[in-house]
Protein backbone atom coordinates (compact mmCIF):
# COMPACT_ATOMS: atom_id res chain seq x y z
CA PRO A 1 11.78 6.60 -32.61
CA ARG A 2 8.17 6.95 -31.54
CA GLU A 3 7.16 3.70 -33.26
CA TYR A 4 9.49 1.72 -30.99
CA THR A 5 8.16 3.41 -27.86
CA HIS A 6 4.65 2.21 -28.72
CA ARG A 7 5.88 -1.31 -29.49
CA ILE A 8 7.82 -1.57 -26.25
CA ALA A 9 4.84 -0.30 -24.24
CA ASN A 10 2.67 -3.00 -25.86
CA ALA A 11 5.31 -5.66 -25.22
CA LYS A 12 5.56 -4.62 -21.55
CA GLU A 13 1.79 -4.78 -21.12
CA GLU A 14 1.56 -8.25 -22.69
CA LEU A 15 4.58 -9.58 -20.81
CA HIS A 16 3.30 -8.43 -17.42
CA PHE A 17 -0.16 -9.83 -18.19
CA LEU A 18 1.25 -13.23 -19.19
CA MET A 19 3.58 -13.44 -16.20
CA GLN A 20 0.55 -13.33 -13.89
CA GLU A 21 -0.50 -16.77 -15.13
CA VAL A 22 0.02 -19.54 -12.56
CA GLU A 23 1.48 -21.78 -15.26
CA LEU A 24 4.27 -19.24 -15.82
CA SER A 25 5.13 -18.64 -12.17
CA GLN A 26 8.48 -20.43 -12.57
CA ALA A 27 9.23 -19.09 -16.06
CA ILE A 28 12.42 -17.29 -16.94
CA ILE A 29 12.44 -14.37 -19.37
CA CYS A 30 14.87 -14.16 -22.26
CA VAL A 31 14.66 -10.85 -24.13
CA LEU A 32 16.18 -10.74 -27.59
CA ALA A 33 17.15 -7.13 -28.20
CA ASN A 34 17.25 -7.11 -31.99
CA LYS A 35 18.80 -4.42 -34.18
CA GLN A 36 21.51 -3.54 -31.67
CA ASP A 37 23.67 -2.55 -34.63
CA LEU A 38 21.41 0.45 -35.34
CA PRO A 39 22.28 3.88 -33.91
CA HIS A 40 18.95 4.46 -32.11
CA ALA A 41 18.73 1.05 -30.44
CA LEU A 42 17.87 1.13 -26.76
CA ASN A 43 20.67 0.03 -24.47
CA PHE A 44 20.02 -2.75 -21.96
CA ASP A 45 19.26 -0.44 -19.04
CA GLU A 46 16.72 1.52 -21.10
CA LEU A 47 15.07 -1.65 -22.35
CA GLU A 48 14.95 -3.18 -18.87
CA ASP A 49 13.43 0.03 -17.49
CA GLN A 50 10.83 0.39 -20.25
CA LEU A 51 9.77 -3.24 -19.95
CA GLU A 52 9.81 -2.90 -16.15
CA LEU A 53 11.52 -6.28 -15.88
CA ASN A 54 12.62 -5.60 -12.31
CA MET A 55 8.95 -5.42 -11.30
CA LEU A 56 8.58 -9.09 -12.17
CA PRO A 57 9.77 -11.83 -9.80
CA HIS A 58 11.10 -13.86 -12.72
CA GLU A 59 14.75 -14.28 -13.55
CA HIS A 60 15.51 -12.44 -16.76
CA ARG A 61 18.30 -11.54 -19.12
CA ILE A 62 18.56 -9.34 -22.20
CA PHE A 63 20.67 -10.44 -25.16
CA PRO A 64 21.83 -8.17 -27.97
CA THR A 65 20.90 -9.78 -31.27
CA ASN A 66 21.00 -9.19 -34.98
CA ALA A 67 18.44 -11.19 -36.93
CA LYS A 68 20.26 -10.70 -40.23
CA THR A 69 23.50 -12.25 -39.02
CA GLY A 70 22.20 -14.42 -36.18
CA LYS A 71 24.62 -12.74 -33.79
CA GLY A 72 23.61 -13.21 -30.15
CA LEU A 73 21.09 -16.00 -30.74
CA GLU A 74 23.45 -18.78 -29.69
CA ASP A 75 24.24 -16.99 -26.42
CA ALA A 76 20.53 -16.58 -25.69
CA LEU A 77 19.78 -20.23 -26.41
CA ASP A 78 22.73 -21.36 -24.29
CA TRP A 79 21.41 -19.24 -21.39
CA LEU A 80 17.92 -20.69 -21.79
CA CYS A 81 19.26 -24.25 -21.78
CA MET A 82 21.32 -23.54 -18.67
CA TYR A 83 18.56 -21.88 -16.64
CA MET A 84 15.41 -23.71 -17.72
CA LYS A 85 14.11 -26.06 -15.07
CA PRO A 86 12.03 -29.17 -15.73
CA PHE A 87 8.44 -29.18 -14.49
C-alpha cells in the first residue's frame, strides 16, 4: 500500500542520515520486518532494496517478525548479541 511506501522512504532517509554519524561507524543494523503474516508485506529483497541497505557499509540483517505473537524477536535479539562488539 501507498502508506507503507511513504513510511519506508522516511525510514531509509533517517537510517542513512544516522549511519553517517561517527559514533555509529561500527554499528550493525537489525531490521525487524513486522507484519510478515500479512499478504502485502514486502519480502526481504524488496525491503533491503527500498531501504538501500547495501549502500551502507554496516553489517545488516532483516528478521521477519510478528508483534502480536512475538515471533522472530528472539532470533533478532540472538543475532544482535552475537554480532555486537564492545566499544
